[in-house]
């Protein structure tokens, strides 16, 4: 039996795109958090804090999802 272990290019690019969005989120989340912590008396403190935490959490989730997609495209047997 012959096994076909080629990389699925569409899945690979999908994973790379997910990793690119995660990279952007990895920078944007902490920047928003630093803006929020720099002025705790401002009226935008709470919305910036919530948004920064949500974007940071989303970045971590997207990192794992992107790595999982890339590994699945390389090592999945069809």
N, C-alpha and C. Protein backbone atom coordinates (compact mmCIF):
# COMPACT_ATOMS: atom_id res chain seq x y z
N UNK A 1 0.82 -1.19 0.00
CA UNK A 1 0.00 0.00 0.00
C UNK A 1 0.87 1.25 0.00
N UNK A 2 0.45 2.18 -0.81
CA UNK A 2 1.21 3.41 -0.93
C UNK A 2 0.55 4.52 -0.10
N UNK A 3 1.33 5.15 0.74
CA UNK A 3 0.81 6.22 1.58
C UNK A 3 1.09 7.57 0.93
N UNK A 4 0.12 8.45 0.98
CA UNK A 4 0.26 9.79 0.42
C UNK A 4 0.39 10.78 1.58
N UNK A 5 1.63 11.17 1.88
CA UNK A 5 1.89 12.05 3.02
C UNK A 5 2.29 13.46 2.58
N UNK A 6 1.65 13.98 1.56
CA UNK A 6 1.98 15.32 1.09
C UNK A 6 1.27 16.37 1.95
N UNK A 7 1.86 17.54 2.00
CA UNK A 7 1.29 18.64 2.77
C UNK A 7 0.10 19.22 2.02
N UNK A 8 -1.00 19.42 2.72
CA UNK A 8 -2.17 20.06 2.15
C UNK A 8 -1.93 21.57 2.15
N UNK A 9 -1.69 22.14 0.97
CA UNK A 9 -1.27 23.54 0.87
C UNK A 9 -2.38 24.51 1.30
N UNK A 10 -3.63 24.19 1.02
CA UNK A 10 -4.72 25.08 1.42
C UNK A 10 -4.82 25.16 2.94
N UNK A 11 -4.70 24.02 3.61
CA UNK A 11 -4.74 24.01 5.07
C UNK A 11 -3.52 24.71 5.66
N UNK A 12 -2.37 24.55 5.02
CA UNK A 12 -1.15 25.20 5.49
C UNK A 12 -1.29 26.72 5.42
N UNK A 13 -1.79 27.25 4.31
CA UNK A 13 -1.97 28.69 4.20
C UNK A 13 -3.03 29.21 5.15
N UNK A 14 -4.04 28.40 5.41
CA UNK A 14 -5.06 28.78 6.39
C UNK A 14 -4.43 28.89 7.78
N UNK A 15 -3.56 27.97 8.13
CA UNK A 15 -2.87 28.02 9.42
C UNK A 15 -1.92 29.19 9.51
N UNK A 16 -1.23 29.50 8.41
CA UNK A 16 -0.31 30.63 8.41
C UNK A 16 -1.08 31.94 8.55
N UNK A 17 -2.24 32.03 7.91
CA UNK A 17 -3.07 33.22 8.04
C UNK A 17 -3.56 33.39 9.47
N UNK A 18 -3.94 32.30 10.10
CA UNK A 18 -4.35 32.34 11.50
C UNK A 18 -3.21 32.80 12.40
N UNK A 19 -2.01 32.31 12.12
CA UNK A 19 -0.85 32.72 12.90
C UNK A 19 -0.51 34.19 12.70
N UNK A 20 -0.75 34.73 11.49
CA UNK A 20 -0.50 36.15 11.25
C UNK A 20 -1.46 37.02 12.06
N UNK A 21 -2.74 36.63 12.10
CA UNK A 21 -3.70 37.37 12.91
C UNK A 21 -3.37 37.25 14.40
N UNK A 22 -2.87 36.09 14.80
CA UNK A 22 -2.48 35.92 16.20
C UNK A 22 -1.29 36.80 16.54
N UNK A 23 -0.36 36.94 15.61
CA UNK A 23 0.80 37.80 15.83
C UNK A 23 0.38 39.26 16.00
N UNK A 24 -0.54 39.71 15.16
CA UNK A 24 -1.06 41.07 15.31
C UNK A 24 -1.76 41.25 16.65
N UNK A 25 -2.53 40.26 17.04
CA UNK A 25 -3.24 40.34 18.32
C UNK A 25 -2.29 40.29 19.51
N UNK A 26 -1.17 39.58 19.35
CA UNK A 26 -0.19 39.51 20.42
C UNK A 26 0.43 40.88 20.71
N UNK A 27 0.49 41.73 19.72
CA UNK A 27 0.99 43.09 19.93
C UNK A 27 -0.11 44.04 20.36
N UNK A 28 -1.29 43.90 19.76
CA UNK A 28 -2.37 44.84 20.02
C UNK A 28 -2.94 44.71 21.44
N UNK A 29 -3.06 43.52 21.96
CA UNK A 29 -3.62 43.30 23.29
C UNK A 29 -2.80 43.97 24.40
N UNK A 30 -1.51 43.70 24.49
CA UNK A 30 -0.71 44.36 25.53
C UNK A 30 -0.60 45.87 25.36
N UNK A 31 -0.64 46.37 24.13
CA UNK A 31 -0.62 47.81 23.93
C UNK A 31 -1.88 48.45 24.51
N UNK A 32 -3.02 47.83 24.25
CA UNK A 32 -4.27 48.35 24.83
C UNK A 32 -4.26 48.25 26.35
N UNK A 33 -3.70 47.18 26.88
CA UNK A 33 -3.61 47.04 28.33
C UNK A 33 -2.70 48.11 28.94
N UNK A 34 -1.61 48.42 28.27
CA UNK A 34 -0.72 49.46 28.80
C UNK A 34 -1.37 50.83 28.73
N UNK A 35 -2.16 51.09 27.69
CA UNK A 35 -2.92 52.34 27.64
C UNK A 35 -3.91 52.42 28.79
N UNK A 36 -4.57 51.31 29.09
CA UNK A 36 -5.56 51.30 30.16
C UNK A 36 -4.89 51.51 31.52
N UNK A 37 -3.75 50.85 31.75
CA UNK A 37 -3.09 50.97 33.05
C UNK A 37 -2.35 52.29 33.23
N UNK A 38 -2.09 53.00 32.13
CA UNK A 38 -1.38 54.27 32.26
C UNK A 38 -2.28 55.38 32.82
N UNK A 39 -3.58 55.27 32.57
CA UNK A 39 -4.52 56.29 33.07
C UNK A 39 -5.72 55.60 33.74
N UNK A 40 -5.56 55.14 34.96
CA UNK A 40 -6.68 54.43 35.61
C UNK A 40 -7.86 55.33 35.99
N UNK A 41 -7.67 56.64 36.00
CA UNK A 41 -8.77 57.54 36.35
C UNK A 41 -9.59 57.98 35.15
N UNK A 42 -9.18 57.57 33.96
CA UNK A 42 -9.86 57.96 32.74
C UNK A 42 -11.17 57.19 32.59
N UNK A 43 -12.12 57.77 31.84
CA UNK A 43 -13.41 57.09 31.65
C UNK A 43 -13.30 55.89 30.72
N UNK A 44 -12.22 55.80 29.93
CA UNK A 44 -12.03 54.65 29.04
C UNK A 44 -11.22 53.52 29.68
N UNK A 45 -10.96 53.62 30.96
CA UNK A 45 -10.14 52.61 31.64
C UNK A 45 -10.76 51.22 31.53
N UNK A 46 -12.01 51.09 31.93
CA UNK A 46 -12.65 49.77 31.96
C UNK A 46 -12.85 49.20 30.55
N UNK A 47 -13.35 49.98 29.57
CA UNK A 47 -13.48 49.39 28.23
C UNK A 47 -12.14 48.97 27.61
N UNK A 48 -11.09 49.76 27.81
CA UNK A 48 -9.77 49.38 27.29
C UNK A 48 -9.23 48.16 28.00
N UNK A 49 -9.47 48.06 29.28
CA UNK A 49 -9.02 46.90 30.05
C UNK A 49 -9.70 45.63 29.57
N UNK A 50 -11.00 45.69 29.38
CA UNK A 50 -11.76 44.52 28.92
C UNK A 50 -11.34 44.14 27.50
N UNK A 51 -11.22 45.14 26.63
CA UNK A 51 -10.84 44.88 25.25
C UNK A 51 -9.42 44.31 25.15
N UNK A 52 -8.50 44.85 25.93
CA UNK A 52 -7.13 44.35 25.93
C UNK A 52 -7.04 42.91 26.42
N UNK A 53 -7.79 42.60 27.49
CA UNK A 53 -7.79 41.21 27.99
C UNK A 53 -8.41 40.26 26.98
N UNK A 54 -9.49 40.69 26.31
CA UNK A 54 -10.15 39.83 25.32
C UNK A 54 -9.26 39.58 24.12
N UNK A 55 -8.58 40.61 23.65
CA UNK A 55 -7.69 40.45 22.50
C UNK A 55 -6.49 39.58 22.86
N UNK A 56 -5.97 39.73 24.07
CA UNK A 56 -4.84 38.89 24.49
C UNK A 56 -5.25 37.42 24.60
N UNK A 57 -6.43 37.17 25.15
CA UNK A 57 -6.91 35.78 25.23
C UNK A 57 -7.17 35.21 23.84
N UNK A 58 -7.72 36.04 22.96
CA UNK A 58 -7.99 35.58 21.60
C UNK A 58 -6.68 35.25 20.88
N UNK A 59 -5.62 36.02 21.15
CA UNK A 59 -4.32 35.77 20.51
C UNK A 59 -3.77 34.41 20.92
N UNK A 60 -3.89 34.07 22.18
CA UNK A 60 -3.38 32.78 22.65
C UNK A 60 -4.18 31.63 22.03
N UNK A 61 -5.49 31.79 21.98
CA UNK A 61 -6.33 30.76 21.37
C UNK A 61 -6.01 30.60 19.88
N UNK A 62 -5.81 31.73 19.20
CA UNK A 62 -5.49 31.68 17.77
C UNK A 62 -4.12 31.07 17.52
N UNK A 63 -3.18 31.28 18.43
CA UNK A 63 -1.86 30.65 18.30
C UNK A 63 -1.98 29.13 18.32
N UNK A 64 -2.69 28.61 19.31
CA UNK A 64 -2.85 27.16 19.40
C UNK A 64 -3.62 26.61 18.20
N UNK A 65 -4.65 27.35 17.76
CA UNK A 65 -5.43 26.90 16.61
C UNK A 65 -4.58 26.90 15.35
N UNK A 66 -3.76 27.92 15.17
CA UNK A 66 -2.90 28.00 13.99
C UNK A 66 -1.85 26.91 13.96
N UNK A 67 -1.22 26.66 15.11
CA UNK A 67 -0.22 25.59 15.18
C UNK A 67 -0.88 24.24 14.91
N UNK A 68 -2.07 24.04 15.45
CA UNK A 68 -2.79 22.78 15.24
C UNK A 68 -3.16 22.60 13.77
N UNK A 69 -3.58 23.68 13.11
CA UNK A 69 -3.93 23.61 11.69
C UNK A 69 -2.69 23.32 10.83
N UNK A 70 -1.59 23.97 11.14
CA UNK A 70 -0.35 23.74 10.38
C UNK A 70 0.13 22.30 10.57
N UNK A 71 0.14 21.82 11.80
CA UNK A 71 0.57 20.44 12.04
C UNK A 71 -0.37 19.44 11.38
N UNK A 72 -1.67 19.74 11.40
CA UNK A 72 -2.63 18.85 10.76
C UNK A 72 -2.44 18.79 9.25
N UNK A 73 -2.07 19.93 8.66
CA UNK A 73 -1.86 19.93 7.21
C UNK A 73 -0.61 19.15 6.82
N UNK A 74 0.36 19.11 7.70
CA UNK A 74 1.61 18.42 7.37
C UNK A 74 1.57 16.93 7.66
N UNK A 75 0.93 16.54 8.73
CA UNK A 75 1.04 15.16 9.19
C UNK A 75 -0.25 14.35 9.08
N UNK A 76 -1.31 14.90 8.52
CA UNK A 76 -2.57 14.16 8.40
C UNK A 76 -2.47 13.15 7.28
N UNK A 77 -2.87 11.94 7.55
CA UNK A 77 -2.89 10.90 6.53
C UNK A 77 -4.28 10.85 5.90
N UNK A 78 -4.30 10.81 4.58
CA UNK A 78 -5.60 10.78 3.88
C UNK A 78 -5.83 9.45 3.24
